[in-house]
């Protein structure tokens, strides 16, 4: 069976940056309060006319350029997002149109913060089944669209951005697939702990319940994702988790024993960008030269629906 591999990544963030002091002018908070509780210092904020699909297309174009792949070679586009305003055309179709991809399969995946590993697994399965050869897998969210800046419990957390990967069929059986098997699931009875809905659409969460869930239930699942790939946590070259909260990220990485891994901490600069956070953080690590090609990297997403998904991939 043909596996798949990540050929290259790319990312995009809006030019406007809000510091914690900027946010403190909009709600009852402070730089110290935010840094102490979630570790965030800055976040990027999209302008009123800057859309989810526009950010996604910027990131995807960068990934294609880094891969040396033309848009006409893409036969599948998958976009993970939970903040798209329109239902049809979906974000994947709009990204394909922006890039000039002539006839790809186009689908959006809404699993909120764990959306990117779900989207990556979906594309990987399509490649393994022979239904696609070259896929664009994008995470893009405009989280600042779904918060009230005066609401401290959520506004201090979020940012906007996009990240993308070019996924291609891998015929090198000796090296094994570049994308390992996915471990995914959910705790649906707790799904209402994180919600994006209503009119106007707003993001709300039960912060303490979510924090307990992430720190008590997720370490075993992250280890299980490594086991499914046949990789011990101490063999990981990097851990790229959903960038929700620096305390959560460091707690899980420590709990699973990823003692030799570079741990992505992009939440400090970018805030919580939901489905964009994993590919955004991964792409920035690569761009800075912090990872060696071929090292195993754990991608692990968690959040809305109280869902999770993770897989070990080989660094391009």
Protein backbone atom coordinates (compact mmCIF):
# COMPACT_ATOMS: atom_id res chain seq x y z
CA UNK A 1 0.00 0.00 0.00
CA UNK A 2 1.30 3.45 -0.92
CA UNK A 3 1.80 5.75 2.01
CA UNK A 4 2.04 9.53 2.08
CA UNK A 5 4.63 12.05 3.19
CA UNK A 6 4.75 15.75 3.94
CA UNK A 7 6.85 17.42 1.25
CA UNK A 8 6.82 20.98 2.55
CA UNK A 9 4.93 23.42 4.76
CA UNK A 10 3.98 27.08 4.66
CA UNK A 11 2.20 29.55 6.90
CA UNK A 12 0.60 32.95 6.94
CA UNK A 13 -0.23 35.45 9.68
CA UNK A 14 -1.92 38.85 9.37
CA UNK A 15 0.35 41.87 9.74
CA UNK A 16 -1.50 43.43 12.69
CA UNK A 17 -0.10 42.31 16.05
CA UNK A 18 -1.79 42.92 19.39
CA UNK A 19 0.30 42.75 22.54
CA UNK A 20 -1.15 41.90 25.93
CA UNK A 21 -1.03 45.59 26.79
CA UNK A 22 -3.16 46.28 23.72
CA UNK A 23 -5.70 43.68 24.85
CA UNK A 24 -5.68 45.17 28.36
CA UNK A 25 -7.04 48.37 26.86
CA UNK A 26 -10.04 46.42 25.57
CA UNK A 27 -10.89 44.30 28.61
CA UNK A 28 -10.14 43.96 32.33
CA UNK A 29 -6.78 42.19 32.20
CA UNK A 30 -3.02 42.76 32.26
CA UNK A 31 0.10 41.47 30.59
CA UNK A 32 1.08 39.63 33.78
CA UNK A 33 -2.38 38.03 34.17
CA UNK A 34 -2.32 36.65 30.60
CA UNK A 35 1.31 35.47 30.67
CA UNK A 36 0.88 33.76 34.03
CA UNK A 37 -2.26 31.84 33.08
CA UNK A 38 -1.81 30.96 29.39
CA UNK A 39 1.70 32.05 28.40
CA UNK A 40 0.60 34.30 25.52
CA UNK A 41 2.45 37.57 24.81
CA UNK A 42 1.15 38.56 21.37
CA UNK A 43 -1.38 37.50 18.74
CA UNK A 44 -1.98 38.37 15.05
CA UNK A 45 -5.36 39.81 14.10
CA UNK A 46 -6.89 39.74 10.63
CA UNK A 47 -8.52 42.84 9.21
CA UNK A 48 -12.28 43.08 8.60
CA UNK A 49 -11.93 42.05 4.95
CA UNK A 50 -9.31 39.34 5.48
CA UNK A 51 -11.08 35.99 5.19
CA UNK A 52 -10.43 32.41 6.27
CA UNK A 53 -9.94 31.28 2.66
CA UNK A 54 -7.63 34.20 1.86
CA UNK A 55 -5.33 33.32 4.77
CA UNK A 56 -5.52 29.64 3.80
CA UNK A 57 -4.56 30.41 0.20
CA UNK A 58 -1.53 32.48 1.29
CA UNK A 59 -0.27 29.60 3.46
CA UNK A 60 -1.00 27.01 0.76
CA UNK A 61 0.81 29.05 -1.90
CA UNK A 62 3.87 29.24 0.33
CA UNK A 63 3.76 25.47 0.95
CA UNK A 64 3.50 24.80 -2.80
CA UNK A 65 6.46 27.10 -3.47
CA UNK A 66 8.53 25.41 -0.77
CA UNK A 67 7.66 22.01 -2.27
CA UNK A 68 8.35 23.05 -5.86
CA UNK A 69 4.86 21.81 -6.73
CA UNK A 70 2.47 23.46 -9.17
CA UNK A 71 -1.18 24.08 -8.30
CA UNK A 72 -2.29 22.08 -11.36
CA UNK A 73 -0.72 18.98 -9.82
CA UNK A 74 -2.95 19.17 -6.72
CA UNK A 75 -5.84 16.70 -6.87
CA UNK A 76 -7.20 17.21 -3.34
CA UNK A 77 -7.62 20.22 -1.06
CA UNK A 78 -8.67 19.77 2.57
CA UNK A 79 -9.20 22.79 4.81
CA UNK A 80 -9.63 22.44 8.56
CA UNK A 81 -11.60 25.36 9.98
CA UNK A 82 -14.45 26.19 12.35
CA UNK A 83 -14.76 29.90 11.58
CA UNK A 84 -15.84 29.91 7.93
CA UNK A 85 -18.79 32.26 7.49
CA UNK A 86 -20.16 30.74 4.28
CA UNK A 87 -21.30 27.18 3.72
CA UNK A 88 -20.90 27.08 -0.06
CA UNK A 89 -18.59 27.42 -1.83
CA UNK A 90 -16.62 25.84 0.98
CA UNK A 91 -13.18 27.06 1.99
CA UNK A 92 -11.37 24.29 0.11
CA UNK A 93 -13.09 25.20 -3.15
CA UNK A 94 -12.26 28.86 -2.65
CA UNK A 95 -8.63 28.05 -1.91
CA UNK A 96 -8.45 25.90 -5.05
CA UNK A 97 -9.90 28.73 -7.10
CA UNK A 98 -7.47 31.27 -5.65
CA UNK A 99 -4.52 28.99 -6.44
CA UNK A 100 -5.71 27.91 -9.88
CA UNK A 101 -5.94 24.19 -9.08
CA UNK A 102 -8.10 22.93 -11.97
CA UNK A 103 -10.14 19.98 -10.66
CA UNK A 104 -9.29 18.83 -7.12
CA UNK A 105 -11.55 17.12 -4.63
CA UNK A 106 -12.47 19.86 -2.12
CA UNK A 107 -13.63 19.34 1.44
CA UNK A 108 -13.70 21.26 4.71
CA UNK A 109 -13.17 19.54 8.04
CA UNK A 110 -14.66 21.08 11.19
CA UNK A 111 -13.27 19.46 14.30
CA UNK A 112 -12.28 22.83 15.76
CA UNK A 113 -8.88 22.74 17.49
CA UNK A 114 -8.10 19.11 16.58
CA UNK A 115 -9.13 19.75 12.98
CA UNK A 116 -5.67 19.70 11.44
CA UNK A 117 -4.63 16.14 12.41
CA UNK A 118 -8.11 15.00 11.31
CA UNK A 119 -7.64 16.74 7.95
CA UNK A 120 -4.13 15.33 7.53
CA UNK A 121 -5.36 11.80 8.28
CA UNK A 122 -8.23 12.20 5.80
CA UNK A 123 -5.84 13.21 3.04
CA UNK A 124 -3.39 10.46 4.01
CA UNK A 125 -6.17 7.88 3.78
CA UNK A 126 -7.14 9.19 0.33
CA UNK A 127 -3.55 8.80 -0.86
CA UNK A 128 -3.30 5.31 0.61
CA UNK A 129 -6.54 4.34 -1.15
CA UNK A 130 -5.27 5.64 -4.48
CA UNK A 131 -7.90 8.39 -4.61
CA UNK A 132 -5.32 11.21 -4.57
CA UNK A 133 -1.64 11.68 -5.34
CA UNK A 134 -0.92 15.25 -4.21
CA UNK A 135 -2.99 16.98 -1.55
CA UNK A 136 -2.97 20.38 0.09
CA UNK A 137 -3.89 20.15 3.77
CA UNK A 138 -4.61 23.53 5.31
CA UNK A 139 -5.64 24.78 8.73
CA UNK A 140 -7.07 28.31 8.79
CA UNK A 141 -9.09 30.15 11.39
CA UNK A 142 -10.15 33.70 12.13
CA UNK A 143 -10.84 33.27 15.81
CA UNK A 144 -11.03 37.00 16.49
CA UNK A 145 -14.29 36.97 14.51
CA UNK A 146 -15.97 34.87 17.20
CA UNK A 147 -14.99 36.69 20.40
CA UNK A 148 -16.06 39.87 22.13
CA UNK A 149 -12.90 41.76 23.11
CA UNK A 150 -14.59 42.81 26.37
CA UNK A 151 -14.98 39.13 27.40
CA UNK A 152 -11.71 38.38 29.17
CA UNK A 153 -12.14 34.60 29.45
CA UNK A 154 -11.85 34.13 25.67
CA UNK A 155 -10.55 37.33 24.06
CA UNK A 156 -7.11 37.04 25.68
CA UNK A 157 -6.62 33.60 24.12
CA UNK A 158 -7.19 33.92 20.39
CA UNK A 159 -5.38 34.89 17.23
CA UNK A 160 -5.75 34.47 13.47
CA UNK A 161 -3.63 32.66 10.88
CA UNK A 162 -3.14 29.68 8.62
CA UNK A 163 -0.72 26.85 8.01
CA UNK A 164 -0.50 24.33 5.18
CA UNK A 165 1.29 21.19 4.07
CA UNK A 166 1.80 19.59 0.68
CA UNK A 167 1.15 15.87 1.03
CA UNK A 168 2.34 13.49 -1.67
CA UNK A 169 2.34 9.76 -2.30
CA UNK A 170 5.48 8.05 -1.07
CA UNK A 171 6.76 5.09 -3.01
CA UNK A 172 9.82 4.51 -0.84
CA UNK A 173 8.73 1.35 0.96
CA UNK A 174 12.12 1.00 2.66
CA UNK A 175 11.72 4.25 4.51
CA UNK A 176 8.09 3.61 5.40
CA UNK A 177 5.31 6.18 5.16
CA UNK A 178 6.04 9.75 6.18
CA UNK A 179 2.62 10.09 7.83
CA UNK A 180 1.94 7.49 10.51
CA UNK A 181 -1.41 6.04 11.52
CA UNK A 182 -3.80 8.40 13.23
CA UNK A 183 -5.21 8.02 16.72
CA UNK A 184 -8.46 9.95 16.94
CA UNK A 185 -11.57 10.06 19.08
CA UNK A 186 -13.70 12.22 21.35
CA UNK A 187 -15.48 12.61 24.67
CA UNK A 188 -18.87 13.66 23.25
CA UNK A 189 -20.63 13.68 26.60
CA UNK A 190 -18.37 16.64 27.49
CA UNK A 191 -18.67 18.32 24.10
CA UNK A 192 -20.54 21.38 25.35
CA UNK A 193 -17.48 22.45 27.35
CA UNK A 194 -16.28 24.29 24.21
CA UNK A 195 -18.81 25.96 21.93
CA UNK A 196 -18.75 28.19 18.86
CA UNK A 197 -22.29 29.14 17.97
CA UNK A 198 -25.25 31.40 18.48
CA UNK A 199 -26.18 34.70 16.84
CA UNK A 200 -23.85 36.46 16.65
CA UNK A 201 -21.42 33.54 16.59
CA UNK A 202 -19.32 33.43 19.73
CA UNK A 203 -16.63 31.20 21.25
CA UNK A 204 -17.26 30.18 24.86
CA UNK A 205 -15.69 27.50 27.02
CA UNK A 206 -15.67 26.06 30.51
CA UNK A 207 -12.02 26.79 31.12
CA UNK A 208 -11.40 24.77 34.28
CA UNK A 209 -13.17 21.66 32.96
CA UNK A 210 -11.19 21.83 29.71
CA UNK A 211 -7.90 22.33 31.56
CA UNK A 212 -8.53 19.28 33.78
CA UNK A 213 -9.43 17.19 30.72
CA UNK A 214 -6.28 18.16 28.84
CA UNK A 215 -3.88 17.55 31.71
CA UNK A 216 -5.42 14.31 33.04
CA UNK A 217 -6.78 12.47 29.98
CA UNK A 218 -4.61 13.55 27.06
CA UNK A 219 -1.07 12.44 28.05
CA UNK A 220 -2.04 8.75 27.74
CA UNK A 221 -3.62 9.43 24.35
CA UNK A 222 -0.53 11.28 23.11
CA UNK A 223 1.61 8.32 24.17
CA UNK A 224 -0.81 5.99 22.38
CA UNK A 225 -0.37 7.98 19.16
CA UNK A 226 3.39 7.41 19.44
CA UNK A 227 2.87 3.70 20.11
CA UNK A 228 0.65 3.40 17.05
CA UNK A 229 3.55 4.72 14.96
CA UNK A 230 6.09 2.47 16.67
CA UNK A 231 8.01 5.48 18.03
CA UNK A 232 8.94 5.92 21.69
CA UNK A 233 8.38 9.43 23.10
CA UNK A 234 12.09 9.80 23.84
CA UNK A 235 12.80 9.19 20.11
CA UNK A 236 10.71 12.17 19.01
CA UNK A 237 12.55 15.03 17.38
CA UNK A 238 9.68 17.43 18.00
CA UNK A 239 6.25 17.71 19.57
CA UNK A 240 3.79 20.06 17.89
CA UNK A 241 0.54 20.22 19.82
CA UNK A 242 -2.49 22.43 19.44
CA UNK A 243 -1.30 25.79 20.72
CA UNK A 244 -3.99 26.36 23.32
CA UNK A 245 -2.12 27.25 26.48
CA UNK A 246 1.59 27.10 27.29
CA UNK A 247 0.95 25.37 30.62
CA UNK A 248 -1.03 22.61 28.89
CA UNK A 249 1.59 22.14 26.15
CA UNK A 250 4.48 21.85 28.58
CA UNK A 251 2.53 19.60 30.95
CA UNK A 252 1.63 17.07 28.25
CA UNK A 253 5.13 17.07 26.73
CA UNK A 254 6.63 16.46 30.16
CA UNK A 255 4.08 13.75 31.02
CA UNK A 256 4.70 11.68 27.90
CA UNK A 257 8.48 11.76 28.36
CA UNK A 258 9.44 13.63 25.18
CA UNK A 259 12.77 14.51 26.76
CA UNK A 260 14.75 14.95 23.53
CA UNK A 261 12.11 16.78 21.51
CA UNK A 262 11.84 20.37 20.44
CA UNK A 263 8.48 21.44 21.85
CA UNK A 264 6.57 23.99 19.77
CA UNK A 265 5.63 27.01 21.86
CA UNK A 266 4.21 29.26 19.17
CA UNK A 267 1.24 30.05 21.41
CA UNK A 268 3.50 32.65 23.02
CA UNK A 269 3.71 34.66 19.77
CA UNK A 270 0.48 33.66 18.03
CA UNK A 271 -2.14 32.82 20.65
CA UNK A 272 -4.73 30.12 20.02
CA UNK A 273 -5.38 29.95 16.27
CA UNK A 274 -7.51 26.78 16.54
CA UNK A 275 -7.11 24.50 13.48
CA UNK A 276 -4.27 26.66 12.16
CA UNK A 277 -2.10 26.28 15.24
CA UNK A 278 -0.38 22.96 14.49
CA UNK A 279 0.70 23.59 10.87
CA UNK A 280 1.53 27.21 11.74
CA UNK A 281 3.83 26.19 14.58
CA UNK A 282 5.34 23.30 12.58
CA UNK A 283 6.06 25.53 9.59
CA UNK A 284 7.72 28.17 11.74
CA UNK A 285 9.99 25.58 13.39
CA UNK A 286 11.09 24.42 9.94
CA UNK A 287 11.58 27.95 8.67
CA UNK A 288 13.84 28.74 11.62
CA UNK A 289 15.92 25.61 10.96
CA UNK A 290 15.16 24.04 14.34
CA UNK A 291 14.33 20.55 12.97
CA UNK A 292 16.34 18.06 10.97
CA UNK A 293 14.82 16.38 7.94
CA UNK A 294 13.52 12.89 8.68
CA UNK A 295 13.10 13.21 12.45
CA UNK A 296 9.81 11.92 13.89
CA UNK A 297 7.39 14.66 14.92
CA UNK A 298 4.27 14.11 17.01
CA UNK A 299 1.33 16.22 15.86
CA UNK A 300 -1.41 16.23 18.46
CA UNK A 301 -4.61 18.25 18.40
CA UNK A 302 -7.34 18.57 21.01
CA UNK A 303 -10.23 20.83 21.88
CA UNK A 304 -13.75 21.46 20.56
CA UNK A 305 -16.22 18.54 20.83
CA UNK A 306 -13.64 17.43 23.37
CA UNK A 307 -12.05 15.64 20.45
CA UNK A 308 -8.46 14.66 19.87
CA UNK A 309 -6.30 13.41 17.01
CA UNK A 310 -2.63 12.72 16.62
CA UNK A 311 -0.08 11.07 14.40
CA UNK A 312 3.68 10.87 14.08
CA UNK A 313 5.04 12.31 10.84
CA UNK A 314 8.53 12.50 9.38
CA UNK A 315 9.89 16.01 9.12
CA UNK A 316 10.31 17.07 5.46
